[in-house]
C-alpha atoms as a PDB file:
ATOM      1  CA  MET A   1     170.686 -53.441   6.271  1.00  0.00           C
ATOM      2  CA  LYS A   2     167.997 -53.770   8.907  1.00  0.00           C
ATOM      3  CA  PRO A   3     164.422 -53.435   7.612  1.00  0.00           C
ATOM      4  CA  GLN A   4     163.650 -50.476   9.862  1.00  0.00           C
ATOM      5  CA  TYR A   5     166.633 -48.537   8.457  1.00  0.00           C
ATOM      6  CA  PHE A   6     165.501 -49.234   4.915  1.00  0.00           C
ATOM      7  CA  ILE A   7     161.965 -48.057   5.764  1.00  0.00           C
ATOM      8  CA  ALA A   8     163.399 -44.900   7.381  1.00  0.00           C
ATOM      9  CA  ILE A   9     165.395 -44.125   4.214  1.00  0.00           C
ATOM     10  CA  LEU A  10     162.309 -44.660   2.062  1.00  0.00           C
ATOM     11  CA  PHE A  11     160.295 -42.423   4.371  1.00  0.00           C
ATOM     12  CA  ALA A  12     162.901 -39.633   4.200  1.00  0.00           C
ATOM     13  CA  PHE A  13     163.067 -39.977   0.391  1.00  0.00           C
ATOM     14  CA  SER A  14     159.278 -39.823   0.014  1.00  0.00           C
ATOM     15  CA  LEU A  15     159.051 -36.946   2.502  1.00  0.00           C
ATOM     16  CA  TYR A  16     161.510 -34.908   0.430  1.00  0.00           C
ATOM     17  CA  TRP A  17     159.516 -35.419  -2.766  1.00  0.00           C
ATOM     18  CA  MET A  18     156.258 -34.713  -0.973  1.00  0.00           C
ATOM     19  CA  TYR A  19     157.789 -31.401   0.132  1.00  0.00           C
ATOM     20  CA  LEU A  20     158.747 -30.539  -3.451  1.00  0.00           C
ATOM     21  CA  LEU A  21     155.308 -31.553  -4.699  1.00  0.00           C
ATOM     22  CA  TYR A  22     153.274 -29.559  -2.196  1.00  0.00           C
ATOM     23  CA  LYS A  23     155.713 -26.680  -1.570  1.00  0.00           C
ATOM     24  CA  PRO A  24     153.538 -24.095  -3.421  1.00  0.00           C
ATOM     25  CA  PHE A  25     150.606 -24.993  -1.152  1.00  0.00           C
ATOM     26  CA  LEU A  26     152.375 -25.309   2.223  1.00  0.00           C
ATOM     27  CA  LEU A  27     151.549 -21.790   3.417  1.00  0.00           C
ATOM     28  CA  ALA A  28     147.887 -22.114   2.419  1.00  0.00           C
ATOM     29  CA  MET A  29     147.664 -25.536   4.069  1.00  0.00           C
ATOM     30  CA  THR A  30     149.320 -24.261   7.262  1.00  0.00           C
ATOM     31  CA  ILE A  31     147.041 -21.214   7.481  1.00  0.00           C
ATOM     32  CA  ALA A  32     143.985 -23.389   6.790  1.00  0.00           C
ATOM     33  CA  ALA A  33     144.987 -25.849   9.521  1.00  0.00           C
ATOM     34  CA  LEU A  34     145.531 -23.038  12.047  1.00  0.00           C
ATOM     35  CA  LEU A  35     142.216 -21.425  11.116  1.00  0.00           C
ATOM     36  CA  ALA A  36     140.491 -24.780  11.519  1.00  0.00           C
ATOM     37  CA  ILE A  37     142.029 -25.112  14.988  1.00  0.00           C
ATOM     38  CA  SER A  38     140.992 -21.535  15.810  1.00  0.00           C
ATOM     39  CA  THR A  39     137.375 -22.053  14.800  1.00  0.00           C
ATOM     40  CA  SER A  40     136.836 -25.602  16.016  1.00  0.00           C
ATOM     41  CA  ASN A  41     134.064 -24.328  18.306  1.00  0.00           C
ATOM     42  CA  VAL A  42     132.227 -22.943  15.270  1.00  0.00           C
ATOM     43  CA  GLN A  43     132.455 -26.329  13.577  1.00  0.00           C
ATOM     44  CA  THR A  44     131.129 -27.997  16.733  1.00  0.00           C
ATOM     45  CA  PHE A  45     128.220 -25.548  16.864  1.00  0.00           C
ATOM     46  CA  PHE A  46     127.232 -26.239  13.252  1.00  0.00           C
ATOM     47  CA  GLU A  47     127.544 -29.992  13.752  1.00  0.00           C
ATOM     48  CA  LYS A  48     125.098 -29.820  16.651  1.00  0.00           C
ATOM     49  CA  LYS A  49     122.750 -27.631  14.630  1.00  0.00           C
ATOM     50  CA  PHE A  50     122.788 -29.545  11.313  1.00  0.00           C
ATOM     51  CA  HIS A  51     123.604 -33.050  12.650  1.00  0.00           C
ATOM     52  CA  SER A  52     125.930 -33.443   9.674  1.00  0.00           C
ATOM     53  CA  LYS A  53     129.707 -33.031   9.559  1.00  0.00           C
ATOM     54  CA  MET A  54     129.594 -32.255   5.826  1.00  0.00           C
ATOM     55  CA  ALA A  55     126.969 -29.509   6.241  1.00  0.00           C
ATOM     56  CA  ALA A  56     128.857 -28.087   9.210  1.00  0.00           C
ATOM     57  CA  ALA A  57     132.125 -27.956   7.247  1.00  0.00           C
ATOM     58  CA  ILE A  58     130.384 -26.238   4.328  1.00  0.00           C
ATOM     59  CA  ALA A  59     128.749 -23.684   6.646  1.00  0.00           C
ATOM     60  CA  SER A  60     131.961 -22.874   8.525  1.00  0.00           C
ATOM     61  CA  SER A  61     133.924 -22.589   5.248  1.00  0.00           C
ATOM     62  CA  PHE A  62     131.318 -20.238   3.782  1.00  0.00           C
ATOM     63  CA  LEU A  63     131.388 -18.132   6.944  1.00  0.00           C
ATOM     64  CA  LEU A  64     135.183 -17.916   6.792  1.00  0.00           C
ATOM     65  CA  ALA A  65     135.096 -16.880   3.141  1.00  0.00           C
ATOM     66  CA  VAL A  66     132.526 -14.141   3.762  1.00  0.00           C
ATOM     67  CA  LEU A  67     133.896 -12.678   6.992  1.00  0.00           C
ATOM     68  CA  PHE A  68     137.623 -13.054   6.425  1.00  0.00           C
ATOM     69  CA  PHE A  69     138.199 -12.887   2.669  1.00  0.00           C
ATOM     70  CA  GLY A  70     135.139 -10.930   1.532  1.00  0.00           C
ATOM     71  CA  PRO A  71     136.549  -7.581   2.726  1.00  0.00           C
ATOM     72  CA  PHE A  72     139.758  -8.157   0.746  1.00  0.00           C
ATOM     73  CA  ALA A  73     137.831  -8.702  -2.471  1.00  0.00           C
ATOM     74  CA  TYR A  74     135.902  -5.477  -1.823  1.00  0.00           C
ATOM     75  CA  ILE A  75     139.116  -3.533  -1.117  1.00  0.00           C
ATOM     76  CA  PHE A  76     140.909  -4.688  -4.270  1.00  0.00           C
ATOM     77  CA  THR A  77     137.880  -4.034  -6.476  1.00  0.00           C
ATOM     78  CA  THR A  78     137.250  -0.550  -5.075  1.00  0.00           C
ATOM     79  CA  LEU A  79     140.951   0.366  -5.111  1.00  0.00           C
ATOM     80  CA  THR A  80     141.298  -0.593  -8.763  1.00  0.00           C
ATOM     81  CA  ILE A  81     138.296   1.574  -9.684  1.00  0.00           C
ATOM     82  CA  MET A  82     139.610   4.505  -7.619  1.00  0.00           C
ATOM     83  CA  LEU A  83     143.072   4.384  -9.220  1.00  0.00           C
ATOM     84  CA  LYS A  84     141.549   4.494 -12.681  1.00  0.00           C
ATOM     85  CA  SER A  85     139.566   7.628 -11.796  1.00  0.00           C
ATOM     86  CA  ILE A  86     142.374   9.709 -10.256  1.00  0.00           C
ATOM     87  CA  ASP A  87     141.933  13.441 -10.915  1.00  0.00           C
ATOM     88  CA  MET A  88     145.391  14.658 -11.962  1.00  0.00           C
ATOM     89  CA  THR A  89     144.410  18.342 -11.585  1.00  0.00           C
ATOM     90  CA  THR A  90     143.421  17.871  -7.959  1.00  0.00           C
ATOM     91  CA  LEU A  91     146.494  15.739  -7.343  1.00  0.00           C
ATOM     92  CA  SER A  92     148.789  18.419  -8.811  1.00  0.00           C
ATOM     93  CA  GLY A  93     147.241  21.053  -6.539  1.00  0.00           C
ATOM     94  CA  PHE A  94     147.604  18.765  -3.553  1.00  0.00           C
ATOM     95  CA  GLU A  95     151.253  18.208  -4.510  1.00  0.00           C
ATOM     96  CA  ALA A  96     151.932  21.960  -4.557  1.00  0.00           C
ATOM     97  CA  PHE A  97     150.209  22.348  -1.197  1.00  0.00           C
ATOM     98  CA  ILE A  98     152.291  19.587   0.416  1.00  0.00           C
ATOM     99  CA  LYS A  99     155.528  20.977  -1.027  1.00  0.00           C
ATOM    100  CA  GLU A 100     154.733  24.458   0.253  1.00  0.00           C
ATOM    101  CA  LYS A 101     153.984  23.180   3.753  1.00  0.00           C
ATOM    102  CA  MET A 102     157.135  21.062   3.776  1.00  0.00           C
ATOM    103  CA  THR A 103     159.250  23.986   2.564  1.00  0.00           C
ATOM    104  CA  ASN A 104     157.731  26.400   5.078  1.00  0.00           C
ATOM    105  CA  PRO A 105     156.501  24.359   8.034  1.00  0.00           C
ATOM    106  CA  PRO A 106     154.762  26.031  10.996  1.00  0.00           C
ATOM    107  CA  HIS A 107     157.085  27.707  13.471  1.00  0.00           C
ATOM    108  CA  ILE A 108     156.454  25.046  16.096  1.00  0.00           C
ATOM    109  CA  LEU A 109     157.735  22.396  13.627  1.00  0.00           C
ATOM    110  CA  GLY A 110     160.714  24.431  12.453  1.00  0.00           C
ATOM    111  CA  PHE A 111     163.179  21.870  13.816  1.00  0.00           C
ATOM    112  CA  LEU A 112     161.878  19.381  11.223  1.00  0.00           C
ATOM    113  CA  LYS A 113     162.664  21.632   8.248  1.00  0.00           C
ATOM    114  CA  PRO A 114     166.030  19.991   7.320  1.00  0.00           C
ATOM    115  CA  TYR A 115     164.423  16.534   7.369  1.00  0.00           C
ATOM    116  CA  LEU A 116     161.390  17.694   5.415  1.00  0.00           C
ATOM    117  CA  ALA A 117     163.639  19.272   2.791  1.00  0.00           C
ATOM    118  CA  GLY A 118     165.393  15.944   2.288  1.00  0.00           C
ATOM    119  CA  MET A 119     162.080  14.152   1.975  1.00  0.00           C
ATOM    120  CA  LEU A 120     160.843  16.756  -0.486  1.00  0.00           C
ATOM    121  CA  HIS A 121     163.870  16.199  -2.680  1.00  0.00           C
ATOM    122  CA  ASP A 122     163.244  12.455  -2.839  1.00  0.00           C
ATOM    123  CA  VAL A 123     159.472  12.538  -3.339  1.00  0.00           C
ATOM    124  CA  ASP A 124     157.808  13.370  -6.624  1.00  0.00           C
ATOM    125  CA  ILE A 125     154.048  13.101  -6.210  1.00  0.00           C
ATOM    126  CA  LYS A 126     153.386  13.341  -9.949  1.00  0.00           C
ATOM    127  CA  SER A 127     155.759  10.468 -10.537  1.00  0.00           C
ATOM    128  CA  LEU A 128     154.118   8.537  -7.745  1.00  0.00           C
ATOM    129  CA  ALA A 129     150.706   9.246  -9.239  1.00  0.00           C
ATOM    130  CA  SER A 130     151.712   8.054 -12.675  1.00  0.00           C
ATOM    131  CA  LYS A 131     153.221   4.957 -11.119  1.00  0.00           C
ATOM    132  CA  ALA A 132     150.028   4.415  -9.138  1.00  0.00           C
ATOM    133  CA  ILE A 133     148.001   4.525 -12.343  1.00  0.00           C
ATOM    134  CA  ALA A 134     150.434   2.119 -13.993  1.00  0.00           C
ATOM    135  CA  LEU A 135     150.112  -0.149 -10.974  1.00  0.00           C
ATOM    136  CA  THR A 136     146.370  -0.540 -11.534  1.00  0.00           C
ATOM    137  CA  GLY A 137     146.958  -3.568 -13.700  1.00  0.00           C
ATOM    138  CA  LYS A 138     149.459  -4.999 -11.237  1.00  0.00           C
ATOM    139  CA  ILE A 139     146.994  -4.528  -8.393  1.00  0.00           C
ATOM    140  CA  GLY A 140     144.429  -6.391 -10.433  1.00  0.00           C
ATOM    141  CA  ALA A 141     146.901  -9.217 -10.978  1.00  0.00           C
ATOM    142  CA  PHE A 142     147.847  -9.220  -7.298  1.00  0.00           C
ATOM    143  CA  SER A 143     144.202  -9.315  -6.266  1.00  0.00           C
ATOM    144  CA  ALA A 144     143.660 -12.252  -8.610  1.00  0.00           C
ATOM    145  CA  GLY A 145     146.599 -14.037  -6.962  1.00  0.00           C
ATOM    146  CA  PHE A 146     145.235 -13.248  -3.524  1.00  0.00           C
ATOM    147  CA  VAL A 147     141.798 -14.551  -4.485  1.00  0.00           C
ATOM    148  CA  LYS A 148     143.463 -17.751  -5.710  1.00  0.00           C
ATOM    149  CA  ASN A 149     145.317 -18.190  -2.411  1.00  0.00           C
ATOM    150  CA  ALA A 150     142.168 -17.355  -0.456  1.00  0.00           C
ATOM    151  CA  PHE A 151     140.268 -19.972  -2.461  1.00  0.00           C
ATOM    152  CA  LEU A 152     142.944 -22.583  -1.673  1.00  0.00           C
ATOM    153  CA  ILE A 153     142.852 -21.709   2.023  1.00  0.00           C
ATOM    154  CA  VAL A 154     139.063 -22.086   2.089  1.00  0.00           C
ATOM    155  CA  VAL A 155     139.276 -25.433   0.275  1.00  0.00           C
ATOM    156  CA  PHE A 156     141.962 -26.777   2.633  1.00  0.00           C
ATOM    157  CA  TYR A 157     140.013 -25.352   5.558  1.00  0.00           C
ATOM    158  CA  PHE A 158     136.932 -27.297   4.469  1.00  0.00           C
ATOM    159  CA  PHE A 159     138.849 -30.582   4.306  1.00  0.00           C
ATOM    160  CA  ALA A 160     140.553 -29.843   7.643  1.00  0.00           C
ATOM    161  CA  GLN A 161     137.162 -29.328   9.287  1.00  0.00           C
ATOM    162  CA  TYR A 162     135.444 -32.234   7.560  1.00  0.00           C
ATOM    163  CA  HIS A 163     138.241 -34.735   8.249  1.00  0.00           C
ATOM    164  CA  SER A 164     139.347 -33.257  11.593  1.00  0.00           C
ATOM    165  CA  GLY A 165     138.498 -36.433  13.518  1.00  0.00           C
ATOM    166  CA  LEU A 166     140.405 -38.690  11.112  1.00  0.00           C
ATOM    167  CA  ILE A 167     143.426 -36.361  11.096  1.00  0.00           C
ATOM    168  CA  VAL A 168     143.573 -36.133  14.892  1.00  0.00           C
ATOM    169  CA  ASN A 169     143.249 -39.903  15.331  1.00  0.00           C
ATOM    170  CA  PHE A 170     145.944 -40.526  12.700  1.00  0.00           C
ATOM    171  CA  LEU A 171     148.352 -38.091  14.391  1.00  0.00           C
ATOM    172  CA  LYS A 172     147.701 -39.756  17.747  1.00  0.00           C
ATOM    173  CA  ARG A 173     148.652 -43.131  16.254  1.00  0.00           C
ATOM    174  CA  ILE A 174     151.906 -42.019  14.614  1.00  0.00           C
ATOM    175  CA  VAL A 175     153.125 -39.553  17.271  1.00  0.00           C
ATOM    176  CA  GLN A 176     154.820 -41.356  20.128  1.00  0.00           C
ATOM    177  CA  MET A 177     153.335 -39.263  22.916  1.00  0.00           C
ATOM    178  CA  SER A 178     151.169 -40.081  25.874  1.00  0.00           C
ATOM    179  CA  GLU A 179     147.501 -39.171  25.920  1.00  0.00           C
ATOM    180  CA  SER A 180     148.105 -36.474  28.550  1.00  0.00           C
ATOM    181  CA  ASP A 181     150.927 -34.831  26.560  1.00  0.00           C
ATOM    182  CA  THR A 182     148.804 -34.847  23.421  1.00  0.00           C
ATOM    183  CA  MET A 183     145.926 -33.251  25.291  1.00  0.00           C
ATOM    184  CA  ILE A 184     148.178 -30.523  26.683  1.00  0.00           C
ATOM    185  CA  LEU A 185     149.548 -29.631  23.234  1.00  0.00           C
ATOM    186  CA  SER A 186     146.166 -29.666  21.492  1.00  0.00           C
ATOM    187  CA  ARG A 187     144.450 -27.736  24.293  1.00  0.00           C
ATOM    188  CA  GLU A 188     147.096 -25.015  24.482  1.00  0.00           C
ATOM    189  CA  LEU A 189     147.334 -24.506  20.724  1.00  0.00           C
ATOM    190  CA  SER A 190     143.580 -24.602  20.154  1.00  0.00           C
ATOM    191  CA  SER A 191     142.775 -22.237  23.024  1.00  0.00           C
ATOM    192  CA  VAL A 192     145.384 -19.617  22.110  1.00  0.00           C
ATOM    193  CA  MET A 193     144.560 -19.699  18.390  1.00  0.00           C
ATOM    194  CA  SER A 194     140.859 -19.264  19.134  1.00  0.00           C
ATOM    195  CA  VAL A 195     141.573 -16.210  21.287  1.00  0.00           C
ATOM    196  CA  VAL A 196     143.922 -14.749  18.654  1.00  0.00           C
ATOM    197  CA  PHE A 197     141.556 -15.278  15.719  1.00  0.00           C
ATOM    198  CA  TYR A 198     138.488 -13.804  17.381  1.00  0.00           C
ATOM    199  CA  SER A 199     140.509 -10.992  18.958  1.00  0.00           C
ATOM    200  CA  ILE A 200     141.871  -9.955  15.556  1.00  0.00           C
ATOM    201  CA  LEU A 201     138.418 -10.013  13.965  1.00  0.00           C
ATOM    202  CA  VAL A 202     136.678  -8.131  16.777  1.00  0.00           C
ATOM    203  CA  THR A 203     139.330  -5.457  17.397  1.00  0.00           C
ATOM    204  CA  ALA A 204     139.973  -4.772  13.699  1.00  0.00           C
ATOM    205  CA  ALA A 205     136.225  -4.555  13.033  1.00  0.00           C
ATOM    206  CA  PHE A 206     135.718  -2.331  16.083  1.00  0.00           C
ATOM    207  CA  GLU A 207     138.451   0.179  15.197  1.00  0.00           C
ATOM    208  CA  GLY A 208     137.540   0.099  11.509  1.00  0.00           C
ATOM    209  CA  LEU A 209     133.908   0.810  12.407  1.00  0.00           C
ATOM    210  CA  LEU A 210     134.918   3.793  14.548  1.00  0.00           C
ATOM    211  CA  PHE A 211     137.009   5.292  11.745  1.00  0.00           C
ATOM    212  CA  GLY A 212     134.552   4.434   8.964  1.00  0.00           C
ATOM    213  CA  ILE A 213     131.604   6.094  10.737  1.00  0.00           C
ATOM    214  CA  ALA A 214     133.613   9.270  11.417  1.00  0.00           C
ATOM    215  CA  ILE A 215     135.046   9.564   7.907  1.00  0.00           C
ATOM    216  CA  SER A 216     131.680   8.966   6.239  1.00  0.00           C
ATOM    217  CA  PHE A 217     130.373  12.261   7.679  1.00  0.00           C
ATOM    218  CA  PHE A 218     132.915  14.079   5.487  1.00  0.00           C
ATOM    219  CA  GLY A 219     131.736  12.458   2.256  1.00  0.00           C
ATOM    220  CA  TYR A 220     134.231   9.591   2.060  1.00  0.00           C
ATOM    221  CA  ASN A 221     133.470   5.902   1.503  1.00  0.00           C
ATOM    222  CA  GLY A 222     133.117   4.811   5.116  1.00  0.00           C
ATOM    223  CA  ILE A 223     132.945   1.085   4.303  1.00  0.00           C
ATOM    224  CA  PHE A 224     136.090   1.082   2.149  1.00  0.00           C
ATOM    225  CA  TYR A 225     138.227   3.243   4.434  1.00  0.00           C
ATOM    226  CA  GLY A 226     136.837   1.559   7.543  1.00  0.00           C
ATOM    227  CA  ILE A 227     137.985  -1.840   6.245  1.00  0.00           C
ATOM    228  CA  LEU A 228     141.370  -0.374   5.290  1.00  0.00           C
ATOM    229  CA  PHE A 229     141.736   1.159   8.746  1.00  0.00           C
ATOM    230  CA  GLY A 230     140.815  -2.148  10.372  1.00  0.00           C
ATOM    231  CA  PHE A 231     143.679  -3.905   8.593  1.00  0.00           C
ATOM    232  CA  ALA A 232     146.035  -0.940   9.095  1.00  0.00           C
ATOM    233  CA  SER A 233     145.323  -1.070  12.837  1.00  0.00           C
ATOM    234  CA  LEU A 234     147.062  -4.459  12.919  1.00  0.00           C
ATOM    235  CA  ILE A 235     150.347  -2.699  12.074  1.00  0.00           C
ATOM    236  CA  PRO A 236     151.949  -1.628  15.362  1.00  0.00           C
ATOM    237  CA  VAL A 237     152.686   2.055  16.142  1.00  0.00           C
ATOM    238  CA  VAL A 238     152.232   3.544  12.635  1.00  0.00           C
ATOM    239  CA  GLY A 239     149.130   1.676  11.477  1.00  0.00           C
ATOM    240  CA  ALA A 240     146.568   4.354  12.324  1.00  0.00           C
ATOM    241  CA  ALA A 241     148.829   7.177  11.069  1.00  0.00           C
ATOM    242  CA  LEU A 242     148.917   5.584   7.627  1.00  0.00           C
ATOM    243  CA  MET A 243     145.206   6.412   7.390  1.00  0.00           C
ATOM    244  CA  TRP A 244     144.509   9.640   9.275  1.00  0.00           C
ATOM    245  CA  VAL A 245     147.582  11.675   8.179  1.00  0.00           C
ATOM    246  CA  PRO A 246     146.663  11.618   4.442  1.00  0.00           C
ATOM    247  CA  PHE A 247     143.037  12.482   5.275  1.00  0.00           C
ATOM    248  CA  MET A 248     144.086  15.334   7.544  1.00  0.00           C
ATOM    249  CA  SER A 249     146.494  16.716   4.908  1.00  0.00           C
ATOM    250  CA  TYR A 250     143.887  16.523   2.149  1.00  0.00           C
ATOM    251  CA  GLU A 251     141.249  18.276   4.268  1.00  0.00           C
ATOM    252  CA  PHE A 252     143.751  21.045   5.051  1.00  0.00           C
ATOM    253  CA  TYR A 253     144.388  21.368   1.312  1.00  0.00           C
ATOM    254  CA  LEU A 254     140.662  21.724   0.655  1.00  0.00           C
ATOM    255  CA  GLY A 255     140.516  24.450   3.312  1.00  0.00           C
ATOM    256  CA  HIS A 256     138.436  22.361   5.711  1.00  0.00           C
ATOM    257  CA  THR A 257     140.492  23.151   8.791  1.00  0.00           C
ATOM    258  CA  PHE A 258     137.871  21.912  11.253  1.00  0.00           C
ATOM    259  CA  ASN A 259     137.520  18.605   9.420  1.00  0.00           C
ATOM    260  CA  ALA A 260     141.297  18.091   9.384  1.00  0.00           C
ATOM    261  CA  ILE A 261     141.704  18.833  13.095  1.00  0.00           C
ATOM    262  CA  PHE A 262     138.705  16.670  13.976  1.00  0.00           C
ATOM    263  CA  ILE A 263     140.040  13.682  11.980  1.00  0.00           C
ATOM    264  CA  ALA A 264     143.450  13.972  13.666  1.00  0.00           C
ATOM    265  CA  LEU A 265     142.125  14.415  17.211  1.00  0.00           C
ATOM    266  CA  TYR A 266     139.391  11.804  16.819  1.00  0.00           C
ATOM    267  CA  THR A 267     141.793   9.170  15.504  1.00  0.00           C
ATOM    268  CA  ILE A 268     144.517   9.891  18.061  1.00  0.00           C
ATOM    269  CA  VAL A 269     142.306  10.284  21.141  1.00  0.00           C
ATOM    270  CA  VAL A 270     139.303   8.031  20.486  1.00  0.00           C
ATOM    271  CA  ILE A 271     140.876   5.241  18.424  1.00  0.00           C
ATOM    272  CA  SER A 272     144.638   5.180  19.147  1.00  0.00           C
ATOM    273  CA  ILE A 273     144.481   6.057  22.846  1.00  0.00           C
ATOM    274  CA  ILE A 274     141.064   4.992  24.151  1.00  0.00           C
ATOM    275  CA  ALA A 275     140.168   2.118  21.797  1.00  0.00           C
ATOM    276  CA  ASP A 276     143.606   0.696  20.984  1.00  0.00           C
ATOM    277  CA  THR A 277     145.389   1.273  24.301  1.00  0.00           C
ATOM    278  CA  PHE A 278     142.580   0.639  26.800  1.00  0.00           C
ATOM    279  CA  ILE A 279     139.639  -1.105  25.130  1.00  0.00           C
ATOM    280  CA  LYS A 280     141.599  -3.506  22.883  1.00  0.00           C
ATOM    281  CA  PRO A 281     143.375  -5.347  25.773  1.00  0.00           C
ATOM    282  CA  ILE A 282     140.021  -5.565  27.568  1.00  0.00           C
ATOM    283  CA  ILE A 283     138.422  -7.126  24.474  1.00  0.00           C
ATOM    284  CA  ILE A 284     141.237  -9.685  24.237  1.00  0.00           C
ATOM    285  CA  GLN A 285     140.931 -10.450  27.939  1.00  0.00           C
ATOM    286  CA  GLU A 286     137.147 -10.848  27.737  1.00  0.00           C
ATOM    287  CA  ILE A 287     137.407 -13.141  24.726  1.00  0.00           C
ATOM    288  CA  ASN A 288     140.037 -15.057  26.656  1.00  0.00           C
ATOM    289  CA  LYS A 289     137.638 -15.509  29.577  1.00  0.00           C
ATOM    290  CA  LYS A 290     134.622 -16.365  27.415  1.00  0.00           C
ATOM    291  CA  LEU A 291     136.372 -18.994  25.313  1.00  0.00           C
ATOM    292  CA  LEU A 292     138.496 -20.605  28.003  1.00  0.00           C
ATOM    293  CA  SER A 293     137.233 -22.038  31.249  1.00  0.00           C
ATOM    294  CA  ASP A 294     140.536 -23.559  32.368  1.00  0.00           C
ATOM    295  CA  ASN A 295     142.751 -20.889  33.921  1.00  0.00           C
ATOM    296  CA  ASP A 296     145.890 -22.884  33.160  1.00  0.00           C
ATOM    297  CA  ALA A 297     145.089 -22.811  29.450  1.00  0.00           C
ATOM    298  CA  ARG A 298     144.856 -19.039  29.308  1.00  0.00           C
ATOM    299  CA  LEU A 299     147.662 -17.024  27.792  1.00  0.00           C
ATOM    300  CA  ASP A 300     148.293 -13.478  28.972  1.00  0.00           C
ATOM    301  CA  SER A 301     146.841 -10.885  26.598  1.00  0.00           C
ATOM    302  CA  LEU A 302     150.191  -9.064  26.441  1.00  0.00           C
ATOM    303  CA  VAL A 303     151.894 -12.261  25.256  1.00  0.00           C
ATOM    304  CA  ILE A 304     149.262 -12.635  22.531  1.00  0.00           C
ATOM    305  CA  PHE A 305     149.664  -8.966  21.580  1.00  0.00           C
ATOM    306  CA  PHE A 306     153.453  -9.179  21.217  1.00  0.00           C
ATOM    307  CA  ALA A 307     153.179 -12.519  19.410  1.00  0.00           C
ATOM    308  CA  ILE A 308     150.942 -10.850  16.811  1.00  0.00           C
ATOM    309  CA  ILE A 309     153.401  -7.950  16.421  1.00  0.00           C
ATOM    310  CA  ALA A 310     156.374 -10.322  16.077  1.00  0.00           C
ATOM    311  CA  GLY A 311     154.481 -12.439  13.551  1.00  0.00           C
ATOM    312  CA  LEU A 312     153.554  -9.420  11.424  1.00  0.00           C
ATOM    313  CA  ALA A 313     157.139  -8.152  11.477  1.00  0.00           C
ATOM    314  CA  THR A 314     158.591 -11.548  10.524  1.00  0.00           C
ATOM    315  CA  PHE A 315     156.058 -13.169   8.194  1.00  0.00           C
ATOM    316  CA  GLY A 316     153.950 -10.259   6.935  1.00  0.00           C
ATOM    317  CA  PHE A 317     150.153 -10.355   6.918  1.00  0.00           C
ATOM    318  CA  TRP A 318     149.768 -14.036   7.739  1.00  0.00           C
ATOM    319  CA  GLY A 319     152.175 -13.554  10.648  1.00  0.00           C
ATOM    320  CA  MET A 320     149.259 -12.437  12.801  1.00  0.00           C
ATOM    321  CA  ILE A 321     148.203 -16.103  12.767  1.00  0.00           C
ATOM    322  CA  LEU A 322     151.623 -17.775  12.541  1.00  0.00           C
ATOM    323  CA  GLY A 323     153.220 -15.704  15.336  1.00  0.00           C
ATOM    324  CA  PRO A 324     150.758 -16.675  18.090  1.00  0.00           C
ATOM    325  CA  ALA A 325     150.668 -20.279  16.825  1.00  0.00           C
ATOM    326  CA  ILE A 326     154.456 -20.614  17.090  1.00  0.00           C
ATOM    327  CA  THR A 327     154.442 -18.958  20.522  1.00  0.00           C
ATOM    328  CA  ALA A 328     151.590 -21.129  21.773  1.00  0.00           C
ATOM    329  CA  PHE A 329     153.266 -24.308  20.521  1.00  0.00           C
ATOM    330  CA  PHE A 330     156.555 -23.368  22.213  1.00  0.00           C
ATOM    331  CA  LEU A 331     154.825 -22.621  25.526  1.00  0.00           C
ATOM    332  CA  ALA A 332     152.848 -25.860  25.240  1.00  0.00           C
ATOM    333  CA  ILE A 333     156.102 -27.828  24.814  1.00  0.00           C
ATOM    334  CA  LEU A 334     157.456 -26.085  27.915  1.00  0.00           C
ATOM    335  CA  LYS A 335     154.328 -27.095  29.816  1.00  0.00           C
ATOM    336  CA  VAL A 336     154.795 -30.718  28.729  1.00  0.00           C
ATOM    337  CA  PHE A 337     158.377 -30.592  30.017  1.00  0.00           C
ATOM    338  CA  GLU A 338     157.093 -29.072  33.253  1.00  0.00           C
ATOM    339  CA  VAL A 339     154.569 -31.875  33.721  1.00  0.00           C
ATOM    340  CA  ARG A 340     157.163 -34.509  32.863  1.00  0.00           C
ATOM    341  CA  THR A 341     159.687 -33.007  35.304  1.00  0.00           C
ATOM    342  CA  LYS A 342     157.084 -32.891  38.068  1.00  0.00           C
ATOM    343  CA  GLU A 343     156.180 -36.546  37.450  1.00  0.00           C
ATOM    344  CA  CYS A 344     159.864 -37.555  37.630  1.00  0.00           C
ATOM    345  CA  VAL A 345     160.361 -35.601  40.872  1.00  0.00           C
ATOM    346  CA  ASP A 346     157.246 -37.167  42.399  1.00  0.00           C
ATOM    347  CA  SER A 347     158.378 -40.645  41.331  1.00  0.00           C
ATOM    348  CA  GLU A 348     161.809 -40.131  42.879  1.00  0.00           C
ATOM    349  CA  ALA A 349     160.219 -38.855  46.084  1.00  0.00           C
ATOM    350  CA  ILE A 350     158.025 -41.962  46.293  1.00  0.00           C
ATOM    351  CA  LEU A 351     161.001 -44.258  45.705  1.00  0.00           C
ATOM    352  CA  GLN A 352     163.010 -42.510  48.407  1.00  0.00           C
ATOM    353  CA  LYS A 353     160.179 -42.948  50.909  1.00  0.00           C
ATOM    354  CA  ARG A 354     160.177 -46.658  50.196  1.00  0.00           C
END
């Protein structure tokens, strides 16, 4: 057996066992690596400010933990407290109100009555409430698991930022690609991931702020529901409805007709139509322009938008990062092929002239 074949077998064997060893951490490591690529400009800024790669990595990791994972910790804590303090009397009255409206819908919605009757037969709000109370402990356990994963992502993110130079140089040595091809891949992936990451943060914060401010005027926890709305807005089509429909129904139950109509109209017109349909693409486009100076490296905002939707539908929450990363990597490979093809055509043209 030739030595290179034996080394290849050993490499495949060790790779398999490395996969088994680190399988529980692969998702966290992948997300951390993509986040490090997305925020490389932040790391560069801190390195220039502190003149220390270690201090810069610590600062960027702390910023990621506060801005990205802090809201989740607040949501899980507040949700657990709220579930423990559910008022069953109010919930029973709200159940009767919903059943009555579903049994006798307004005349304009009469065509929905057969469907509403079927839904009413399948839904038992009291049962759901009791299950929600029972789920308090499970939510606590889930939040603990999420905090653990978030902690791992932050730790891997720190090492990815601190050792970024060593990792990049190592990959350049082992990957049999030219310097130009490597630059194309790294530039495309880094640029798109930066646009995606900052677009998600800005648009979710913007829409959550709009909803949180409005809902706080009616006595609700604007911070909590604003954060929830920000994450719900990432869900295509039905994301906003998951928030405003329950609020509208509850305000109708309380007899606050104006509040209910205002919440519905405000969310549909101001957030779903104006903010989400018109302002959100502009925000993505502006971030695209601010972060990227090379026009060839820019990815159309619609491509980014659909990549986020596809990622969420396929991979769940973390799909909003994985979807654009996969799309960007695929398009970068196509660009490498395009450059290679052009070089071959040019070389053939030169040879023919000779």
